[in-house]
Amino acid sequence: GFYYFDSKLVITTSPFFIPSATVRHDNETWAVFGQASY
């Protein structure tokens, strides 16, 4: 088979003693796999 994964994540952290910070994580994964039993 074939597997595909795509993720987009936006996170904001607020320490409050300074302004907030925002980061965006992008993750793209694909895989091919095979299995056999005998």
PDB file of all heavy atoms in Angstrom:
ATOM      1  N   GLY A   1       0.793  -1.220   0.000  1.00  0.00           N
ATOM      2  CA  GLY A   1       0.000   0.000   0.000  1.00  0.00           C
ATOM      3  C   GLY A   1       0.822   1.265   0.000  1.00  0.00           C
ATOM      4  O   GLY A   1       2.059   1.258  -0.008  1.00  0.00           O
ATOM      5  N   PHE A   2       0.077   2.377   0.032  1.00  0.00           N
ATOM      6  CA  PHE A   2       0.632   3.730   0.028  1.00  0.00           C
ATOM      7  C   PHE A   2      -0.077   4.530   1.114  1.00  0.00           C
ATOM      8  O   PHE A   2      -1.292   4.415   1.294  1.00  0.00           O
ATOM      9  CB  PHE A   2       0.415   4.397  -1.332  1.00  0.00           C
ATOM     10  CG  PHE A   2       0.755   5.869  -1.357  1.00  0.00           C
ATOM     11  CD1 PHE A   2       2.071   6.290  -1.495  1.00  0.00           C
ATOM     12  CD2 PHE A   2      -0.243   6.830  -1.238  1.00  0.00           C
ATOM     13  CE1 PHE A   2       2.384   7.639  -1.505  1.00  0.00           C
ATOM     14  CE2 PHE A   2       0.058   8.180  -1.264  1.00  0.00           C
ATOM     15  CZ  PHE A   2       1.375   8.588  -1.402  1.00  0.00           C
ATOM     16  N   TYR A   3       0.694   5.342   1.846  1.00  0.00           N
ATOM     17  CA  TYR A   3       0.147   6.152   2.937  1.00  0.00           C
ATOM     18  C   TYR A   3       0.610   7.594   2.772  1.00  0.00           C
ATOM     19  O   TYR A   3       1.779   7.853   2.452  1.00  0.00           O
ATOM     20  CB  TYR A   3       0.617   5.599   4.283  1.00  0.00           C
ATOM     21  CG  TYR A   3       0.210   6.439   5.473  1.00  0.00           C
ATOM     22  CD1 TYR A   3      -1.069   6.353   6.002  1.00  0.00           C
ATOM     23  CD2 TYR A   3       1.126   7.311   6.074  1.00  0.00           C
ATOM     24  CE1 TYR A   3      -1.438   7.126   7.096  1.00  0.00           C
ATOM     25  CE2 TYR A   3       0.766   8.076   7.166  1.00  0.00           C
ATOM     26  CZ  TYR A   3      -0.509   7.979   7.679  1.00  0.00           C
ATOM     27  OH  TYR A   3      -0.872   8.747   8.753  1.00  0.00           O
ATOM     28  N   TYR A   4      -0.313   8.552   3.036  1.00  0.00           N
ATOM     29  CA  TYR A   4       0.010   9.975   2.932  1.00  0.00           C
ATOM     30  C   TYR A   4      -0.556  10.701   4.147  1.00  0.00           C
ATOM     31  O   TYR A   4      -1.680  10.434   4.586  1.00  0.00           O
ATOM     32  CB  TYR A   4      -0.586  10.570   1.657  1.00  0.00           C
ATOM     33  CG  TYR A   4      -0.359  12.059   1.520  1.00  0.00           C
ATOM     34  CD1 TYR A   4       0.877  12.561   1.110  1.00  0.00           C
ATOM     35  CD2 TYR A   4      -1.381  12.956   1.812  1.00  0.00           C
ATOM     36  CE1 TYR A   4       1.090  13.927   0.994  1.00  0.00           C
ATOM     37  CE2 TYR A   4      -1.177  14.327   1.696  1.00  0.00           C
ATOM     38  CZ  TYR A   4       0.064  14.815   1.284  1.00  0.00           C
ATOM     39  OH  TYR A   4       0.267  16.161   1.177  1.00  0.00           O
ATOM     40  N   PHE A   5       0.238  11.623   4.712  1.00  0.00           N
ATOM     41  CA  PHE A   5      -0.166  12.402   5.885  1.00  0.00           C
ATOM     42  C   PHE A   5       0.224  13.852   5.659  1.00  0.00           C
ATOM     43  O   PHE A   5       1.351  14.155   5.253  1.00  0.00           O
ATOM     44  CB  PHE A   5       0.526  11.855   7.136  1.00  0.00           C
ATOM     45  CG  PHE A   5       0.373  12.704   8.368  1.00  0.00           C
ATOM     46  CD1 PHE A   5      -0.731  12.563   9.188  1.00  0.00           C
ATOM     47  CD2 PHE A   5       1.351  13.626   8.710  1.00  0.00           C
ATOM     48  CE1 PHE A   5      -0.862  13.334  10.333  1.00  0.00           C
ATOM     49  CE2 PHE A   5       1.230  14.403   9.854  1.00  0.00           C
ATOM     50  CZ  PHE A   5       0.116  14.256  10.671  1.00  0.00           C
ATOM     51  N   ASP A   6      -0.705  14.762   5.948  1.00  0.00           N
ATOM     52  CA  ASP A   6      -0.425  16.194   5.819  1.00  0.00           C
ATOM     53  C   ASP A   6      -1.035  16.917   7.016  1.00  0.00           C
ATOM     54  O   ASP A   6      -2.213  16.739   7.327  1.00  0.00           O
ATOM     55  CB  ASP A   6      -1.011  16.758   4.515  1.00  0.00           C
ATOM     56  CG  ASP A   6      -0.650  18.219   4.322  1.00  0.00           C
ATOM     57  OD1 ASP A   6       0.503  18.503   3.965  1.00  0.00           O
ATOM     58  OD2 ASP A   6      -1.531  19.074   4.548  1.00  0.00           O
ATOM     59  N   SER A   7      -0.220  17.713   7.706  1.00  0.00           N
ATOM     60  CA  SER A   7      -0.673  18.397   8.917  1.00  0.00           C
ATOM     61  C   SER A   7      -0.215  19.846   8.898  1.00  0.00           C
ATOM     62  O   SER A   7       0.923  20.139   8.527  1.00  0.00           O
ATOM     63  CB  SER A   7      -0.108  17.695  10.158  1.00  0.00           C
ATOM     64  OG  SER A   7      -0.399  18.437  11.334  1.00  0.00           O
ATOM     65  N   LYS A   8      -1.125  20.731   9.313  1.00  0.00           N
ATOM     66  CA  LYS A   8      -0.809  22.150   9.470  1.00  0.00           C
ATOM     67  C   LYS A   8      -1.270  22.558  10.868  1.00  0.00           C
ATOM     68  O   LYS A   8      -2.445  22.434  11.213  1.00  0.00           O
ATOM     69  CB  LYS A   8      -1.500  22.996   8.396  1.00  0.00           C
ATOM     70  CG  LYS A   8      -0.986  22.707   6.993  1.00  0.00           C
ATOM     71  CD  LYS A   8      -1.765  23.484   5.940  1.00  0.00           C
ATOM     72  CE  LYS A   8      -1.140  23.288   4.563  1.00  0.00           C
ATOM     73  NZ  LYS A   8      -1.080  21.858   4.174  1.00  0.00           N
ATOM     74  N   LEU A   9      -0.326  23.059  11.667  1.00  0.00           N
ATOM     75  CA  LEU A   9      -0.587  23.372  13.074  1.00  0.00           C
ATOM     76  C   LEU A   9      -0.083  24.774  13.381  1.00  0.00           C
ATOM     77  O   LEU A   9       1.085  25.085  13.154  1.00  0.00           O
ATOM     78  CB  LEU A   9       0.122  22.345  13.966  1.00  0.00           C
ATOM     79  CG  LEU A   9       0.186  22.637  15.466  1.00  0.00           C
ATOM     80  CD1 LEU A   9      -1.206  22.653  16.070  1.00  0.00           C
ATOM     81  CD2 LEU A   9       1.064  21.609  16.171  1.00  0.00           C
ATOM     82  N   VAL A  10      -0.973  25.625  13.895  1.00  0.00           N
ATOM     83  CA  VAL A  10      -0.625  26.990  14.300  1.00  0.00           C
ATOM     84  C   VAL A  10      -0.859  27.109  15.803  1.00  0.00           C
ATOM     85  O   VAL A  10      -1.970  26.865  16.285  1.00  0.00           O
ATOM     86  CB  VAL A  10      -1.457  28.043  13.547  1.00  0.00           C
ATOM     87  CG1 VAL A  10      -1.056  29.451  13.994  1.00  0.00           C
ATOM     88  CG2 VAL A  10      -1.270  27.888  12.039  1.00  0.00           C
ATOM     89  N   ILE A  11       0.191  27.482  16.548  1.00  0.00           N
ATOM     90  CA  ILE A  11       0.139  27.560  18.005  1.00  0.00           C
ATOM     91  C   ILE A  11       0.590  28.949  18.446  1.00  0.00           C
ATOM     92  O   ILE A  11       1.592  29.472  17.956  1.00  0.00           O
ATOM     93  CB  ILE A  11       1.043  26.502  18.664  1.00  0.00           C
ATOM     94  CG1 ILE A  11       0.593  25.091  18.284  1.00  0.00           C
ATOM     95  CG2 ILE A  11       1.041  26.652  20.178  1.00  0.00           C
ATOM     96  CD1 ILE A  11       1.462  24.014  18.880  1.00  0.00           C
ATOM     97  N   THR A  12      -0.146  29.533  19.388  1.00  0.00           N
ATOM     98  CA  THR A  12       0.242  30.804  19.991  1.00  0.00           C
ATOM     99  C   THR A  12       0.511  30.592  21.474  1.00  0.00           C
ATOM    100  O   THR A  12      -0.318  30.009  22.184  1.00  0.00           O
ATOM    101  CB  THR A  12      -0.851  31.862  19.814  1.00  0.00           C
ATOM    102  OG1 THR A  12      -1.015  32.139  18.417  1.00  0.00           O
ATOM    103  CG2 THR A  12      -0.489  33.151  20.538  1.00  0.00           C
ATOM    104  N   THR A  13       1.675  31.065  21.928  1.00  0.00           N
ATOM    105  CA  THR A  13       2.044  30.997  23.340  1.00  0.00           C
ATOM    106  C   THR A  13       2.086  32.405  23.904  1.00  0.00           C
ATOM    107  O   THR A  13       2.720  33.294  23.329  1.00  0.00           O
ATOM    108  CB  THR A  13       3.420  30.325  23.513  1.00  0.00           C
ATOM    109  OG1 THR A  13       3.346  28.984  23.021  1.00  0.00           O
ATOM    110  CG2 THR A  13       3.835  30.295  24.975  1.00  0.00           C
ATOM    111  N   SER A  14       1.413  32.599  25.050  1.00  0.00           N
ATOM    112  CA  SER A  14       1.327  33.920  25.680  1.00  0.00           C
ATOM    113  C   SER A  14       1.963  33.864  27.063  1.00  0.00           C
ATOM    114  O   SER A  14       1.331  33.374  28.016  1.00  0.00           O
ATOM    115  CB  SER A  14      -0.131  34.371  25.793  1.00  0.00           C
ATOM    116  OG  SER A  14      -0.755  34.421  24.517  1.00  0.00           O
ATOM    117  N   PRO A  15       3.214  34.369  27.220  1.00  0.00           N
ATOM    118  CA  PRO A  15       3.832  34.414  28.555  1.00  0.00           C
ATOM    119  C   PRO A  15       3.288  35.553  29.413  1.00  0.00           C
ATOM    120  O   PRO A  15       3.485  35.569  30.619  1.00  0.00           O
ATOM    121  CB  PRO A  15       5.318  34.626  28.254  1.00  0.00           C
ATOM    122  CG  PRO A  15       5.477  34.365  26.788  1.00  0.00           C
ATOM    123  CD  PRO A  15       4.157  34.706  26.174  1.00  0.00           C
ATOM    124  N   PHE A  16       2.639  36.547  28.772  1.00  0.00           N
ATOM    125  CA  PHE A  16       1.975  37.692  29.389  1.00  0.00           C
ATOM    126  C   PHE A  16       2.936  38.776  29.871  1.00  0.00           C
ATOM    127  O   PHE A  16       2.567  39.946  29.871  1.00  0.00           O
ATOM    128  CB  PHE A  16       1.042  37.256  30.529  1.00  0.00           C
ATOM    129  CG  PHE A  16      -0.137  36.473  30.044  1.00  0.00           C
ATOM    130  CD1 PHE A  16      -0.184  35.110  30.210  1.00  0.00           C
ATOM    131  CD2 PHE A  16      -1.178  37.103  29.390  1.00  0.00           C
ATOM    132  CE1 PHE A  16      -1.265  34.366  29.740  1.00  0.00           C
ATOM    133  CE2 PHE A  16      -2.263  36.381  28.921  1.00  0.00           C
ATOM    134  CZ  PHE A  16      -2.303  35.011  29.103  1.00  0.00           C
ATOM    135  N   PHE A  17       4.157  38.447  30.291  1.00  0.00           N
ATOM    136  CA  PHE A  17       5.084  39.516  30.649  1.00  0.00           C
ATOM    137  C   PHE A  17       5.735  40.121  29.411  1.00  0.00           C
ATOM    138  O   PHE A  17       6.384  41.161  29.490  1.00  0.00           O
ATOM    139  CB  PHE A  17       6.144  39.011  31.631  1.00  0.00           C
ATOM    140  CG  PHE A  17       7.058  37.952  31.095  1.00  0.00           C
ATOM    141  CD1 PHE A  17       8.271  38.298  30.530  1.00  0.00           C
ATOM    142  CD2 PHE A  17       6.704  36.618  31.151  1.00  0.00           C
ATOM    143  CE1 PHE A  17       9.126  37.327  30.042  1.00  0.00           C
ATOM    144  CE2 PHE A  17       7.559  35.644  30.668  1.00  0.00           C
ATOM    145  CZ  PHE A  17       8.764  35.995  30.111  1.00  0.00           C
ATOM    146  N   ILE A  18       5.560  39.443  28.262  1.00  0.00           N
ATOM    147  CA  ILE A  18       5.939  39.975  26.961  1.00  0.00           C
ATOM    148  C   ILE A  18       4.840  39.588  25.987  1.00  0.00           C
ATOM    149  O   ILE A  18       3.986  38.749  26.301  1.00  0.00           O
ATOM    150  CB  ILE A  18       7.304  39.424  26.484  1.00  0.00           C
ATOM    151  CG1 ILE A  18       7.294  37.884  26.499  1.00  0.00           C
ATOM    152  CG2 ILE A  18       8.443  39.987  27.302  1.00  0.00           C
ATOM    153  CD1 ILE A  18       8.544  37.270  25.916  1.00  0.00           C
ATOM    154  N   PRO A  19       4.803  40.208  24.781  1.00  0.00           N
ATOM    155  CA  PRO A  19       3.756  39.840  23.816  1.00  0.00           C
ATOM    156  C   PRO A  19       3.819  38.372  23.414  1.00  0.00           C
ATOM    157  O   PRO A  19       4.826  37.681  23.611  1.00  0.00           O
ATOM    158  CB  PRO A  19       4.055  40.762  22.622  1.00  0.00           C
ATOM    159  CG  PRO A  19       4.791  41.916  23.203  1.00  0.00           C
ATOM    160  CD  PRO A  19       5.606  41.360  24.325  1.00  0.00           C
ATOM    161  N   SER A  20       2.742  37.909  22.830  1.00  0.00           N
ATOM    162  CA  SER A  20       2.607  36.513  22.425  1.00  0.00           C
ATOM    163  C   SER A  20       3.527  36.189  21.240  1.00  0.00           C
ATOM    164  O   SER A  20       3.955  37.075  20.499  1.00  0.00           O
ATOM    165  CB  SER A  20       1.163  36.220  22.033  1.00  0.00           C
ATOM    166  OG  SER A  20       0.287  36.477  23.102  1.00  0.00           O
ATOM    167  N   ALA A  21       3.793  34.897  21.078  1.00  0.00           N
ATOM    168  CA  ALA A  21       4.570  34.398  19.940  1.00  0.00           C
ATOM    169  C   ALA A  21       3.757  33.312  19.256  1.00  0.00           C
ATOM    170  O   ALA A  21       3.108  32.496  19.917  1.00  0.00           O
ATOM    171  CB  ALA A  21       5.911  33.849  20.395  1.00  0.00           C
ATOM    172  N   THR A  22       3.788  33.308  17.929  1.00  0.00           N
ATOM    173  CA  THR A  22       3.019  32.335  17.142  1.00  0.00           C
ATOM    174  C   THR A  22       3.956  31.561  16.221  1.00  0.00           C
ATOM    175  O   THR A  22       4.837  32.142  15.588  1.00  0.00           O
ATOM    176  CB  THR A  22       1.938  33.036  16.302  1.00  0.00           C
ATOM    177  OG1 THR A  22       1.028  33.710  17.176  1.00  0.00           O
ATOM    178  CG2 THR A  22       1.159  32.034  15.467  1.00  0.00           C
ATOM    179  N   VAL A  23       3.766  30.237  16.177  1.00  0.00           N
ATOM    180  CA  VAL A  23       4.551  29.394  15.285  1.00  0.00           C
ATOM    181  C   VAL A  23       3.604  28.542  14.460  1.00  0.00           C
ATOM    182  O   VAL A  23       2.496  28.208  14.882  1.00  0.00           O
ATOM    183  CB  VAL A  23       5.539  28.486  16.050  1.00  0.00           C
ATOM    184  CG1 VAL A  23       6.559  29.313  16.799  1.00  0.00           C
ATOM    185  CG2 VAL A  23       4.797  27.549  16.985  1.00  0.00           C
ATOM    186  N   ARG A  24       4.062  28.210  13.259  1.00  0.00           N
ATOM    187  CA  ARG A  24       3.320  27.308  12.379  1.00  0.00           C
ATOM    188  C   ARG A  24       4.211  26.112  12.043  1.00  0.00           C
ATOM    189  O   ARG A  24       5.340  26.269  11.598  1.00  0.00           O
ATOM    190  CB  ARG A  24       2.886  28.009  11.094  1.00  0.00           C
ATOM    191  CG  ARG A  24       2.315  27.030  10.061  1.00  0.00           C
ATOM    192  CD  ARG A  24       1.736  27.723   8.859  1.00  0.00           C
ATOM    193  NE  ARG A  24       1.416  26.756   7.809  1.00  0.00           N
ATOM    194  CZ  ARG A  24       0.417  26.894   6.943  1.00  0.00           C
ATOM    195  NH1 ARG A  24      -0.376  27.935   7.023  1.00  0.00           N
ATOM    196  NH2 ARG A  24       0.218  25.974   6.014  1.00  0.00           N
ATOM    197  N   HIS A  25       3.665  24.914  12.291  1.00  0.00           N
ATOM    198  CA  HIS A  25       4.349  23.672  11.942  1.00  0.00           C
ATOM    199  C   HIS A  25       3.641  23.041  10.745  1.00  0.00           C
ATOM    200  O   HIS A  25       2.415  22.888  10.758  1.00  0.00           O
ATOM    201  CB  HIS A  25       4.295  22.670  13.098  1.00  0.00           C
ATOM    202  CG  HIS A  25       5.057  23.074  14.314  1.00  0.00           C
ATOM    203  ND1 HIS A  25       6.355  22.694  14.541  1.00  0.00           N
ATOM    204  CD2 HIS A  25       4.702  23.830  15.389  1.00  0.00           C
ATOM    205  CE1 HIS A  25       6.765  23.176  15.689  1.00  0.00           C
ATOM    206  NE2 HIS A  25       5.779  23.868  16.233  1.00  0.00           N
ATOM    207  N   ASP A  26       4.401  22.671   9.730  1.00  0.00           N
ATOM    208  CA  ASP A  26       3.876  21.903   8.606  1.00  0.00           C
ATOM    209  C   ASP A  26       4.612  20.567   8.547  1.00  0.00           C
ATOM    210  O   ASP A  26       5.838  20.517   8.679  1.00  0.00           O
ATOM    211  CB  ASP A  26       4.062  22.655   7.286  1.00  0.00           C
ATOM    212  CG  ASP A  26       3.127  23.845   7.173  1.00  0.00           C
ATOM    213  OD1 ASP A  26       1.932  23.626   6.960  1.00  0.00           O
ATOM    214  OD2 ASP A  26       3.595  24.988   7.322  1.00  0.00           O
ATOM    215  N   ASN A  27       3.851  19.502   8.339  1.00  0.00           N
ATOM    216  CA  ASN A  27       4.432  18.166   8.304  1.00  0.00           C
ATOM    217  C   ASN A  27       3.778  17.383   7.166  1.00  0.00           C
ATOM    218  O   ASN A  27       2.559  17.228   7.134  1.00  0.00           O
ATOM    219  CB  ASN A  27       4.202  17.463   9.646  1.00  0.00           C
ATOM    220  CG  ASN A  27       4.824  16.077   9.720  1.00  0.00           C
ATOM    221  OD1 ASN A  27       4.487  15.300  10.600  1.00  0.00           O
ATOM    222  ND2 ASN A  27       5.750  15.756   8.835  1.00  0.00           N
ATOM    223  N   GLU A  28       4.595  16.933   6.230  1.00  0.00           N
ATOM    224  CA  GLU A  28       4.102  16.114   5.127  1.00  0.00           C
ATOM    225  C   GLU A  28       4.896  14.808   5.103  1.00  0.00           C
ATOM    226  O   GLU A  28       6.124  14.816   5.077  1.00  0.00           O
ATOM    227  CB  GLU A  28       4.250  16.839   3.797  1.00  0.00           C
ATOM    228  CG  GLU A  28       3.645  16.070   2.624  1.00  0.00           C
ATOM    229  CD  GLU A  28       3.770  16.826   1.312  1.00  0.00           C
ATOM    230  OE1 GLU A  28       4.836  17.431   1.078  1.00  0.00           O
ATOM    231  OE2 GLU A  28       2.809  16.820   0.525  1.00  0.00           O
ATOM    232  N   THR A  29       4.176  13.698   5.130  1.00  0.00           N
ATOM    233  CA  THR A  29       4.791  12.378   5.154  1.00  0.00           C
ATOM    234  C   THR A  29       4.124  11.487   4.123  1.00  0.00           C
ATOM    235  O   THR A  29       2.901  11.544   3.950  1.00  0.00           O
ATOM    236  CB  THR A  29       4.635  11.729   6.541  1.00  0.00           C
ATOM    237  OG1 THR A  29       5.273  12.537   7.520  1.00  0.00           O
ATOM    238  CG2 THR A  29       5.241  10.341   6.574  1.00  0.00           C
ATOM    239  N   TRP A  30       4.926  10.673   3.456  1.00  0.00           N
ATOM    240  CA  TRP A  30       4.350   9.632   2.614  1.00  0.00           C
ATOM    241  C   TRP A  30       5.191   8.361   2.768  1.00  0.00           C
ATOM    242  O   TRP A  30       6.366   8.407   3.130  1.00  0.00           O
ATOM    243  CB  TRP A  30       4.253  10.060   1.147  1.00  0.00           C
ATOM    244  CG  TRP A  30       5.566  10.319   0.461  1.00  0.00           C
ATOM    245  CD1 TRP A  30       6.231  11.505   0.389  1.00  0.00           C
ATOM    246  CD2 TRP A  30       6.351   9.366  -0.262  1.00  0.00           C
ATOM    247  NE1 TRP A  30       7.392  11.354  -0.329  1.00  0.00           N
ATOM    248  CE2 TRP A  30       7.488  10.062  -0.742  1.00  0.00           C
ATOM    249  CE3 TRP A  30       6.210   8.014  -0.561  1.00  0.00           C
ATOM    250  CZ2 TRP A  30       8.485   9.443  -1.496  1.00  0.00           C
ATOM    251  CZ3 TRP A  30       7.208   7.385  -1.308  1.00  0.00           C
ATOM    252  CH2 TRP A  30       8.310   8.092  -1.774  1.00  0.00           C
ATOM    253  N   ALA A  31       4.543   7.247   2.533  1.00  0.00           N
ATOM    254  CA  ALA A  31       5.225   5.967   2.712  1.00  0.00           C
ATOM    255  C   ALA A  31       4.636   4.936   1.772  1.00  0.00           C
ATOM    256  O   ALA A  31       3.451   4.989   1.412  1.00  0.00           O
ATOM    257  CB  ALA A  31       5.106   5.491   4.162  1.00  0.00           C
ATOM    258  N   VAL A  32       5.455   3.980   1.388  1.00  0.00           N
ATOM    259  CA  VAL A  32       4.982   2.790   0.683  1.00  0.00           C
ATOM    260  C   VAL A  32       5.385   1.594   1.537  1.00  0.00           C
ATOM    261  O   VAL A  32       6.450   1.597   2.175  1.00  0.00           O
ATOM    262  CB  VAL A  32       5.572   2.678  -0.737  1.00  0.00           C
ATOM    263  CG1 VAL A  32       4.991   3.734  -1.641  1.00  0.00           C
ATOM    264  CG2 VAL A  32       7.094   2.771  -0.708  1.00  0.00           C
ATOM    265  N   PHE A  33       4.536   0.580   1.572  1.00  0.00           N
ATOM    266  CA  PHE A  33       4.803  -0.542   2.453  1.00  0.00           C
ATOM    267  C   PHE A  33       4.313  -1.837   1.830  1.00  0.00           C
ATOM    268  O   PHE A  33       3.446  -1.847   0.944  1.00  0.00           O
ATOM    269  CB  PHE A  33       4.121  -0.335   3.820  1.00  0.00           C
ATOM    270  CG  PHE A  33       2.625  -0.164   3.750  1.00  0.00           C
ATOM    271  CD1 PHE A  33       1.779  -1.264   3.792  1.00  0.00           C
ATOM    272  CD2 PHE A  33       2.059   1.104   3.649  1.00  0.00           C
ATOM    273  CE1 PHE A  33       0.404  -1.109   3.727  1.00  0.00           C
ATOM    274  CE2 PHE A  33       0.692   1.269   3.581  1.00  0.00           C
ATOM    275  CZ  PHE A  33      -0.147   0.152   3.616  1.00  0.00           C
ATOM    276  N   GLY A  34       4.874  -2.918   2.297  1.00  0.00           N
ATOM    277  CA  GLY A  34       4.460  -4.235   1.854  1.00  0.00           C
ATOM    278  C   GLY A  34       4.742  -5.257   2.934  1.00  0.00           C
ATOM    279  O   GLY A  34       5.683  -5.110   3.719  1.00  0.00           O
ATOM    280  N   GLN A  35       3.908  -6.279   2.987  1.00  0.00           N
ATOM    281  CA  GLN A  35       4.087  -7.343   3.960  1.00  0.00           C
ATOM    282  C   GLN A  35       3.617  -8.648   3.350  1.00  0.00           C
ATOM    283  O   GLN A  35       2.619  -8.685   2.625  1.00  0.00           O
ATOM    284  CB  GLN A  35       3.290  -7.044   5.237  1.00  0.00           C
ATOM    285  CG  GLN A  35       3.448  -8.091   6.331  1.00  0.00           C
ATOM    286  CD  GLN A  35       2.748  -7.691   7.609  1.00  0.00           C
ATOM    287  OE1 GLN A  35       2.814  -6.551   8.036  1.00  0.00           O
ATOM    288  NE2 GLN A  35       2.067  -8.645   8.221  1.00  0.00           N
ATOM    289  N   ALA A  36       4.321  -9.721   3.667  1.00  0.00           N
ATOM    290  CA  ALA A  36       3.953 -11.036   3.151  1.00  0.00           C
ATOM    291  C   ALA A  36       4.095 -12.069   4.251  1.00  0.00           C
ATOM    292  O   ALA A  36       4.985 -11.973   5.108  1.00  0.00           O
ATOM    293  CB  ALA A  36       4.835 -11.417   1.962  1.00  0.00           C
ATOM    294  N   SER A  37       3.203 -13.046   4.239  1.00  0.00           N
ATOM    295  CA  SER A  37       3.292 -14.163   5.179  1.00  0.00           C
ATOM    296  C   SER A  37       3.279 -15.466   4.373  1.00  0.00           C
ATOM    297  O   SER A  37       2.539 -15.598   3.388  1.00  0.00           O
ATOM    298  CB  SER A  37       2.140 -14.132   6.173  1.00  0.00           C
ATOM    299  OG  SER A  37       0.894 -14.256   5.522  1.00  0.00           O
ATOM    300  N   TYR A  38       4.089 -16.407   4.837  1.00  0.00           N
ATOM    301  CA  TYR A  38       4.210 -17.681   4.128  1.00  0.00           C
ATOM    302  C   TYR A  38       4.124 -18.820   5.143  1.00  0.00           C
ATOM    303  O   TYR A  38       4.838 -18.825   6.154  1.00  0.00           O
ATOM    304  CB  TYR A  38       5.530 -17.758   3.377  1.00  0.00           C
ATOM    305  CG  TYR A  38       5.648 -18.988   2.505  1.00  0.00           C
ATOM    306  CD1 TYR A  38       5.061 -19.030   1.247  1.00  0.00           C
ATOM    307  CD2 TYR A  38       6.351 -20.111   2.945  1.00  0.00           C
ATOM    308  CE1 TYR A  38       5.156 -20.160   0.451  1.00  0.00           C
ATOM    309  CE2 TYR A  38       6.458 -21.253   2.154  1.00  0.00           C
ATOM    310  CZ  TYR A  38       5.850 -21.267   0.904  1.00  0.00           C
ATOM    311  OH  TYR A  38       5.937 -22.384   0.108  1.00  0.00           O
TER     312      TYR A  38
END
